[in-house]
Amino acid sequence: MFTYQRVLSCSVYKLRSCLLMPVLMLIAGNFTTYAAAAPADKPKHVIVAPVVLKEISDRVEALGTARANESVNITTNVSEKIKEIHFEDGQTVKAAQILVVLNQAEEQANLKQAQAVRGERKLALDRLQQLDERKLAAPDEIDRTRLELAQADASITAIKARISDRVIRAPFDGVVGLRNISAGALVESGDLIATLDDTGQIKLDFSVPAMFLAELKPGLKIKARATALGNKEYRGEVKSIDSRVDPVTRSVKVRAILPNPDGSIIPGILMQVDLLRNTRQAIVIPEAALLPLANRQYVMVRVNRDGKDTVEKREVEIGIRMPGYVEILSGLSVDEYVVTHGNSRVGPGDSLDVLAVDDGSVDIATIIKGQKNKGK
């Protein structure tokens, strides 16, 4: 009985094997045929950017205060009533332009009197000189009259100076601030009439840590921007460096000059400053091309093999980072191309379909949006 059941089991097993073998062979044949007919991987859609040589600099960041190139408070050194005002708030004025005229009626009267006295003494001196030609005038009398004439001239000069004090002029080209007086008002010596600022160029004062003192020198380039001015970038250069280091902050004050032809920078505004040092030519790529792995950085490089675009993974050494860009110290050369969009979806050896070259002349956002719409 045992032997019969065992033989029967073996026979059933063989029968199943015989029945299943053709089916397995058919499935295997179909899989081989499908694999042979399956198309190759489609090229991956990517955007690439060229590896370029660009002038870059190491940056030292600081905060600075904008100051007018020249600034003065317009005041008077006499006490008098205001007769005329010749400027408006915020007006641009030229050097020596009249701003305010004070009452000067008394001084004008004194001037006429002094001029009359001078005329009288001049006539007296002329008569004495005519008499002296005929030896009829005493020399000491001539000398006394000549001295009196000189005194009259000095009086006229003094009165004209007092009149000049009552005519307030702009000491230099600039922009007048808000006026604080009105015609007919009595101003005392030292009272503020208005401010005058020369904003054709701006002095930007900021502090730099003393550790950079050896690299500071006039002529270093700077970039400055202010939130209040819409983060517009202004460029200038270092003009002078303070002769002392602050013993508390261990920093040194630096003054830079910013051209301001349109007057957009207002004195007193706070600005963010980038001091550019160690300017050099360096290889740079878009920061989006980097693929970090642990403490290493990789990029996907576009290469041409057998006339087709493909990709290889390459390790690079990076330097400083800039907004949107990064310096490459080794691993790439100029005129190569790196994948910036789609680099995380491609692997070494994959075929590439380059949608665009990001060289600044194309709208990458539009291309990406269009590609997404096609995929829907």
Protein backbone atom coordinates (compact mmCIF):
# COMPACT_ATOMS: atom_id res chain seq x y z
CA MET A 1 0.00 0.00 0.00
CA PHE A 2 2.82 2.42 0.91
CA THR A 3 4.66 1.59 -2.33
CA TYR A 4 1.57 2.13 -4.41
CA GLN A 5 0.78 5.56 -2.95
CA ARG A 6 4.39 6.68 -3.45
CA VAL A 7 4.37 5.56 -7.09
CA LEU A 8 1.04 7.26 -7.60
CA SER A 9 2.32 10.53 -6.09
CA CYS A 10 5.36 10.45 -8.38
CA SER A 11 3.17 9.89 -11.36
CA VAL A 12 0.93 12.81 -10.44
CA TYR A 13 3.96 15.08 -9.98
CA LYS A 14 5.35 14.08 -13.38
CA LEU A 15 1.98 14.66 -14.97
CA ARG A 16 1.78 18.19 -13.51
CA SER A 17 5.31 18.94 -14.69
CA CYS A 18 4.49 17.78 -18.17
CA LEU A 19 1.38 19.90 -18.27
CA LEU A 20 3.03 23.08 -16.82
CA MET A 21 6.23 22.99 -18.89
CA PRO A 22 4.65 24.09 -22.20
CA VAL A 23 2.84 26.90 -20.39
CA LEU A 24 6.04 28.16 -18.75
CA MET A 25 7.89 27.98 -22.05
CA LEU A 26 5.12 29.93 -23.77
CA ILE A 27 5.24 32.65 -21.08
CA ALA A 28 9.03 32.83 -21.28
CA GLY A 29 8.89 33.09 -25.06
CA ASN A 30 6.36 35.88 -24.94
CA PHE A 31 8.45 37.80 -22.33
CA THR A 32 11.54 37.48 -24.52
CA THR A 33 9.62 38.71 -27.51
CA TYR A 34 8.20 41.67 -25.48
CA ALA A 35 11.63 42.55 -24.13
CA ALA A 36 13.09 42.51 -27.63
CA ALA A 37 10.27 44.70 -28.91
CA ALA A 38 10.33 47.17 -25.97
CA PRO A 39 11.58 50.62 -27.00
CA ALA A 40 14.74 52.09 -25.54
CA ASP A 41 14.48 54.68 -22.70
CA LYS A 42 13.22 58.03 -23.91
CA PRO A 43 15.62 61.02 -23.64
CA LYS A 44 15.16 63.00 -20.42
CA HIS A 45 14.02 66.60 -20.77
CA VAL A 46 16.56 68.94 -19.18
CA ILE A 47 17.80 72.51 -19.25
CA VAL A 48 21.53 73.13 -19.26
CA ALA A 49 23.73 76.13 -18.54
CA PRO A 50 27.24 76.91 -19.79
CA VAL A 51 30.26 76.91 -17.51
CA VAL A 52 31.59 80.48 -17.81
CA LEU A 53 34.47 82.63 -16.66
CA LYS A 54 33.29 85.59 -14.58
CA GLU A 55 34.81 88.34 -12.45
CA ILE A 56 33.97 87.69 -8.81
CA SER A 57 35.04 89.03 -5.44
CA ASP A 58 35.03 87.98 -1.83
CA ARG A 59 32.47 90.05 0.07
CA VAL A 60 32.55 91.71 3.46
CA GLU A 61 29.05 92.71 4.53
CA ALA A 62 28.37 95.82 6.61
CA LEU A 63 25.75 98.45 7.37
CA GLY A 64 26.45 102.05 6.41
CA THR A 65 24.90 105.48 6.75
CA ALA A 66 24.56 107.75 3.73
CA ARG A 67 25.77 111.31 4.12
CA ALA A 68 25.70 114.27 1.75
CA ASN A 69 28.96 115.11 0.05
CA GLU A 70 28.60 118.62 1.49
CA SER A 71 26.00 119.66 4.06
CA VAL A 72 25.32 122.93 5.88
CA ASN A 73 22.66 124.62 7.98
CA ILE A 74 21.67 127.93 6.45
CA THR A 75 21.65 130.55 9.25
CA THR A 76 22.24 134.29 9.69
CA ASN A 77 24.84 136.00 11.84
CA VAL A 78 22.70 139.12 12.45
CA SER A 79 19.31 139.77 14.00
CA GLU A 80 16.96 141.26 11.43
CA LYS A 81 13.58 140.91 9.77
CA ILE A 82 13.27 138.81 6.61
CA LYS A 83 12.47 140.91 3.56
CA GLU A 84 12.54 138.35 0.70
CA ILE A 85 12.71 134.57 0.30
CA HIS A 86 14.02 133.25 -3.01
CA PHE A 87 13.70 129.46 -2.68
CA GLU A 88 11.08 126.76 -2.24
CA ASP A 89 11.18 123.54 -0.23
CA GLY A 90 13.32 120.91 -1.96
CA GLN A 91 14.57 123.28 -4.66
CA THR A 92 17.88 122.68 -6.40
CA VAL A 93 20.05 125.79 -6.20
CA LYS A 94 23.42 126.91 -7.58
CA ALA A 95 26.40 128.22 -5.69
CA ALA A 96 26.09 131.97 -4.85
CA GLN A 97 22.36 131.95 -5.64
CA ILE A 98 20.42 134.31 -3.34
CA LEU A 99 18.24 132.44 -0.85
CA VAL A 100 17.09 135.09 1.64
CA VAL A 101 17.31 138.87 1.82
CA LEU A 102 17.08 140.57 5.23
CA ASN A 103 16.02 144.15 5.84
CA GLN A 104 18.95 146.47 5.07
CA ALA A 105 17.37 149.92 4.82
CA GLU A 106 19.58 151.41 7.54
CA GLU A 107 22.75 149.98 6.02
CA GLN A 108 21.85 151.29 2.58
CA ALA A 109 21.36 154.79 4.08
CA ASN A 110 24.70 154.56 5.89
CA LEU A 111 26.32 153.51 2.63
CA LYS A 112 25.04 156.59 0.79
CA GLN A 113 26.29 158.80 3.61
CA ALA A 114 29.73 157.18 3.58
CA GLN A 115 29.95 157.50 -0.20
CA ALA A 116 29.10 161.24 0.10
CA VAL A 117 31.81 161.75 2.71
CA ARG A 118 34.30 159.97 0.48
CA GLY A 119 33.36 162.17 -2.46
CA GLU A 120 33.92 165.30 -0.37
CA ARG A 121 37.33 164.12 0.82
CA LYS A 122 38.32 163.11 -2.67
CA LEU A 123 37.56 166.63 -3.92
CA ALA A 124 39.53 168.11 -1.01
CA LEU A 125 42.51 165.95 -1.86
CA ASP A 126 42.33 166.91 -5.55
CA ARG A 127 42.35 170.63 -4.66
CA LEU A 128 45.32 170.21 -2.32
CA GLN A 129 47.24 168.32 -4.98
CA GLN A 130 46.62 171.16 -7.47
CA LEU A 131 47.88 173.66 -4.91
CA ASP A 132 50.86 171.50 -4.19
CA GLU A 133 51.88 171.72 -7.82
CA ARG A 134 52.26 175.49 -7.27
CA LYS A 135 53.90 174.99 -3.87
CA LEU A 136 50.89 176.46 -2.09
CA ALA A 137 49.79 173.48 0.05
CA ALA A 138 51.37 172.13 3.21
CA PRO A 139 52.54 168.49 2.92
CA ASP A 140 51.03 167.49 6.29
CA GLU A 141 47.64 168.78 5.21
CA ILE A 142 47.80 166.69 2.06
CA ASP A 143 48.74 163.62 4.09
CA ARG A 144 45.87 164.21 6.53
CA THR A 145 43.34 164.55 3.70
CA ARG A 146 44.67 161.41 2.02
CA LEU A 147 44.26 159.53 5.32
CA GLU A 148 40.70 160.79 5.71
CA LEU A 149 39.93 159.53 2.20
CA ALA A 150 41.29 156.10 3.13
CA GLN A 151 39.09 156.11 6.23
CA ALA A 152 36.05 156.90 4.07
CA ASP A 153 36.93 153.97 1.81
CA ALA A 154 37.20 151.69 4.84
CA SER A 155 33.81 152.83 6.11
CA ILE A 156 32.24 152.04 2.75
CA THR A 157 33.82 148.57 2.79
CA ALA A 158 32.49 147.89 6.30
CA ILE A 159 28.97 148.99 5.40
CA LYS A 160 29.00 146.84 2.26
CA ALA A 161 30.06 143.88 4.40
CA ARG A 162 27.09 144.47 6.72
CA ILE A 163 24.81 144.65 3.69
CA SER A 164 26.31 141.41 2.39
CA ASP A 165 25.54 139.75 5.73
CA ARG A 166 21.90 140.54 5.07
CA VAL A 167 21.90 138.74 1.73
CA ILE A 168 22.17 134.97 2.35
CA ARG A 169 23.51 132.96 -0.59
CA ALA A 170 24.01 129.24 -1.27
CA PRO A 171 27.63 128.32 -0.50
CA PHE A 172 27.60 125.47 -3.06
CA ASP A 173 25.33 123.66 -5.52
CA GLY A 174 22.78 121.54 -3.72
CA VAL A 175 19.21 120.83 -2.66
CA VAL A 176 17.47 123.03 -0.09
CA GLY A 177 15.48 121.29 2.63
CA LEU A 178 12.31 122.49 4.31
CA ARG A 179 12.35 126.21 5.10
CA ASN A 180 11.59 127.21 8.66
CA ILE A 181 10.91 130.93 8.18
CA SER A 182 8.50 133.30 6.42
CA ALA A 183 8.83 136.79 5.01
CA GLY A 184 8.46 139.42 7.74
CA ALA A 185 9.69 137.12 10.52
CA LEU A 186 12.43 138.31 12.84
CA VAL A 187 15.40 135.94 12.88
CA GLU A 188 18.09 135.93 15.52
CA SER A 189 21.73 135.17 14.94
CA GLY A 190 22.14 131.41 14.55
CA ASP A 191 18.47 130.64 13.81
CA LEU A 192 18.01 127.78 11.32
CA ILE A 193 16.57 129.00 8.03
CA ALA A 194 16.97 125.77 6.01
CA THR A 195 19.41 123.00 5.24
CA LEU A 196 21.48 122.65 2.08
CA ASP A 197 22.88 119.30 0.90
CA ASP A 198 25.09 118.49 -2.05
CA THR A 199 23.80 115.04 -3.06
CA GLY A 200 25.49 114.76 -6.45
CA GLN A 201 27.58 112.10 -4.77
CA ILE A 202 27.08 110.42 -1.42
CA LYS A 203 29.55 109.64 1.34
CA LEU A 204 28.77 106.20 2.73
CA ASP A 205 30.30 105.52 6.16
CA PHE A 206 30.45 101.95 7.47
CA SER A 207 32.55 99.83 9.85
CA VAL A 208 34.68 96.83 8.87
CA PRO A 209 36.23 94.30 11.30
CA ALA A 210 39.89 95.09 11.97
CA MET A 211 40.89 91.61 10.73
CA PHE A 212 40.45 92.94 7.17
CA LEU A 213 42.57 96.03 7.80
CA ALA A 214 45.52 94.77 5.74
CA GLU A 215 43.28 94.45 2.67
CA LEU A 216 41.57 97.82 3.01
CA LYS A 217 42.76 100.52 0.64
CA PRO A 218 41.29 103.39 -1.36
CA GLY A 219 39.84 102.24 -4.66
CA LEU A 220 38.22 99.00 -3.45
CA LYS A 221 34.84 98.53 -5.11
CA ILE A 222 31.61 98.36 -3.13
CA LYS A 223 27.96 97.59 -3.77
CA ALA A 224 25.22 99.17 -1.70
CA ARG A 225 21.45 98.87 -1.52
CA ALA A 226 18.64 99.97 0.75
CA THR A 227 15.24 98.46 1.40
CA ALA A 228 13.75 101.95 1.40
CA LEU A 229 15.04 102.42 -2.16
CA GLY A 230 13.60 99.18 -3.50
CA ASN A 231 16.92 97.30 -3.10
CA LYS A 232 18.30 99.04 -6.16
CA GLU A 233 22.03 98.37 -6.43
CA TYR A 234 24.48 101.27 -6.30
CA ARG A 235 28.18 100.91 -7.04
CA GLY A 236 31.03 102.99 -5.72
CA GLU A 237 34.52 102.75 -4.28
CA VAL A 238 36.36 103.27 -1.03
CA LYS A 239 37.63 106.84 -0.65
CA SER A 240 39.34 106.82 2.75
CA ILE A 241 39.94 104.73 5.86
CA ASP A 242 39.92 106.02 9.42
CA SER A 243 43.27 106.35 11.17
CA ARG A 244 42.05 104.54 14.30
CA VAL A 245 40.51 101.20 15.23
CA ASP A 246 37.65 101.35 17.71
CA PRO A 247 38.99 99.64 20.87
CA VAL A 248 35.49 98.50 21.86
CA THR A 249 34.17 97.00 18.61
CA ARG A 250 37.60 96.26 17.09
CA SER A 251 36.43 97.71 13.81
CA VAL A 252 37.62 100.52 11.58
CA LYS A 253 35.46 103.13 9.88
CA VAL A 254 35.55 103.24 6.09
CA ARG A 255 34.18 105.97 3.85
CA ALA A 256 33.10 105.19 0.29
CA ILE A 257 31.77 107.46 -2.45
CA LEU A 258 28.60 106.61 -4.38
CA PRO A 259 27.62 108.55 -7.51
CA ASN A 260 24.08 109.88 -7.11
CA PRO A 261 23.24 111.83 -10.26
CA ASP A 262 19.48 111.35 -9.93
CA GLY A 263 19.45 112.27 -6.24
CA SER A 264 17.67 109.04 -5.28
CA ILE A 265 19.92 108.40 -2.26
CA ILE A 266 18.85 110.64 0.59
CA PRO A 267 21.34 111.57 3.32
CA GLY A 268 20.80 109.67 6.56
CA ILE A 269 19.41 106.50 4.97
CA LEU A 270 20.67 103.09 6.18
CA MET A 271 22.29 100.98 3.47
CA GLN A 272 23.54 97.40 3.24
CA VAL A 273 27.12 97.37 1.96
CA ASP A 274 29.14 94.66 0.21
CA LEU A 275 32.84 95.47 0.27
CA LEU A 276 34.42 93.63 -2.68
CA ARG A 277 37.93 92.32 -2.09
CA ASN A 278 40.20 89.80 -3.82
CA THR A 279 38.60 90.47 -7.21
CA ARG A 280 39.50 87.73 -9.70
CA GLN A 281 38.40 85.79 -12.79
CA ALA A 282 36.81 82.48 -11.81
CA ILE A 283 34.77 79.60 -13.24
CA VAL A 284 31.13 79.84 -12.13
CA ILE A 285 27.95 77.84 -12.69
CA PRO A 286 24.33 78.29 -11.54
CA GLU A 287 23.89 77.09 -7.97
CA ALA A 288 20.91 75.00 -9.10
CA ALA A 289 23.32 72.62 -10.88
CA LEU A 290 24.83 71.35 -7.59
CA LEU A 291 23.88 67.93 -6.22
CA PRO A 292 25.15 67.70 -2.62
CA LEU A 293 25.94 64.28 -1.18
CA ALA A 294 27.28 64.21 2.38
CA ASN A 295 30.17 66.69 2.35
CA ARG A 296 30.74 66.44 -1.41
CA GLN A 297 29.26 68.31 -4.35
CA TYR A 298 28.42 66.79 -7.74
CA VAL A 299 27.10 68.08 -11.05
CA MET A 300 25.58 66.41 -14.09
CA VAL A 301 27.69 67.33 -17.13
CA ARG A 302 26.31 67.22 -20.65
CA VAL A 303 28.61 65.21 -22.95
CA ASN A 304 28.36 64.12 -26.58
CA ARG A 305 28.84 60.46 -27.35
CA ASP A 306 28.39 59.06 -30.84
CA GLY A 307 26.53 62.21 -31.84
CA LYS A 308 24.02 61.99 -29.00
CA ASP A 309 23.62 64.08 -25.87
CA THR A 310 24.17 62.11 -22.70
CA VAL A 311 25.25 62.88 -19.16
CA GLU A 312 28.01 62.03 -16.73
CA LYS A 313 28.19 62.63 -13.00
CA ARG A 314 31.23 64.58 -11.87
CA GLU A 315 32.50 65.68 -8.47
CA VAL A 316 33.47 69.36 -8.17
CA GLU A 317 35.16 71.54 -5.58
CA ILE A 318 33.32 74.77 -4.87
CA GLY A 319 34.50 78.17 -3.66
CA ILE A 320 32.38 81.11 -2.61
CA ARG A 321 28.65 81.27 -3.21
CA MET A 322 26.94 84.27 -4.78
CA PRO A 323 23.24 84.98 -5.31
CA GLY A 324 22.27 82.27 -7.81
CA TYR A 325 25.86 81.28 -8.67
CA VAL A 326 28.75 79.35 -7.18
CA GLU A 327 32.49 79.41 -7.84
CA ILE A 328 34.06 76.17 -9.10
CA LEU A 329 37.65 75.55 -8.02
CA SER A 330 38.12 72.21 -9.81
CA GLY A 331 36.19 69.60 -11.78
CA LEU A 332 34.90 71.71 -14.66
CA SER A 333 36.31 73.76 -17.50
CA VAL A 334 34.99 76.71 -19.45
CA ASP A 335 32.51 75.98 -22.29
CA GLU A 336 31.22 72.76 -20.76
CA TYR A 337 27.52 72.50 -19.94
CA VAL A 338 25.90 71.40 -16.69
CA VAL A 339 22.30 70.32 -16.11
CA THR A 340 20.42 72.90 -14.01
CA HIS A 341 16.79 71.73 -14.34
CA GLY A 342 16.07 68.01 -14.27
CA ASN A 343 19.48 67.07 -12.86
CA SER A 344 17.89 65.03 -10.04
CA ARG A 345 15.98 62.85 -12.58
CA VAL A 346 18.90 61.84 -14.77
CA GLY A 347 21.67 59.36 -14.18
CA PRO A 348 25.05 58.71 -15.78
CA GLY A 349 24.64 57.56 -19.35
CA ASP A 350 21.05 58.72 -19.76
CA SER A 351 20.10 60.30 -23.08
CA LEU A 352 19.22 63.98 -22.91
CA ASP A 353 16.68 66.12 -24.69
CA VAL A 354 17.99 69.66 -24.09
CA LEU A 355 15.01 71.99 -24.00
CA ALA A 356 17.05 75.20 -23.62
CA VAL A 357 20.43 76.62 -22.75
CA ASP A 358 20.17 78.94 -19.76
CA ASP A 359 22.57 81.68 -20.88
CA GLY A 360 20.38 84.58 -19.79
CA SER A 361 18.75 85.10 -23.18
CA VAL A 362 15.73 82.82 -22.67
CA ASP A 363 12.80 82.78 -20.26
CA ILE A 364 13.35 79.54 -18.36
CA ALA A 365 10.13 79.87 -16.35
CA THR A 366 8.06 79.92 -19.55
CA ILE A 367 9.84 76.84 -20.90
CA ILE A 368 9.29 74.89 -17.68
CA LYS A 369 5.63 75.91 -17.56
CA GLY A 370 5.12 74.86 -21.18
CA GLN A 371 6.74 71.49 -20.51
CA LYS A 372 4.46 70.90 -17.53
CA ASN A 373 1.41 71.71 -19.65
CA LYS A 374 2.49 69.13 -22.25
CA GLY A 375 2.76 66.49 -19.56
CA LYS A 376 -0.87 66.97 -18.45
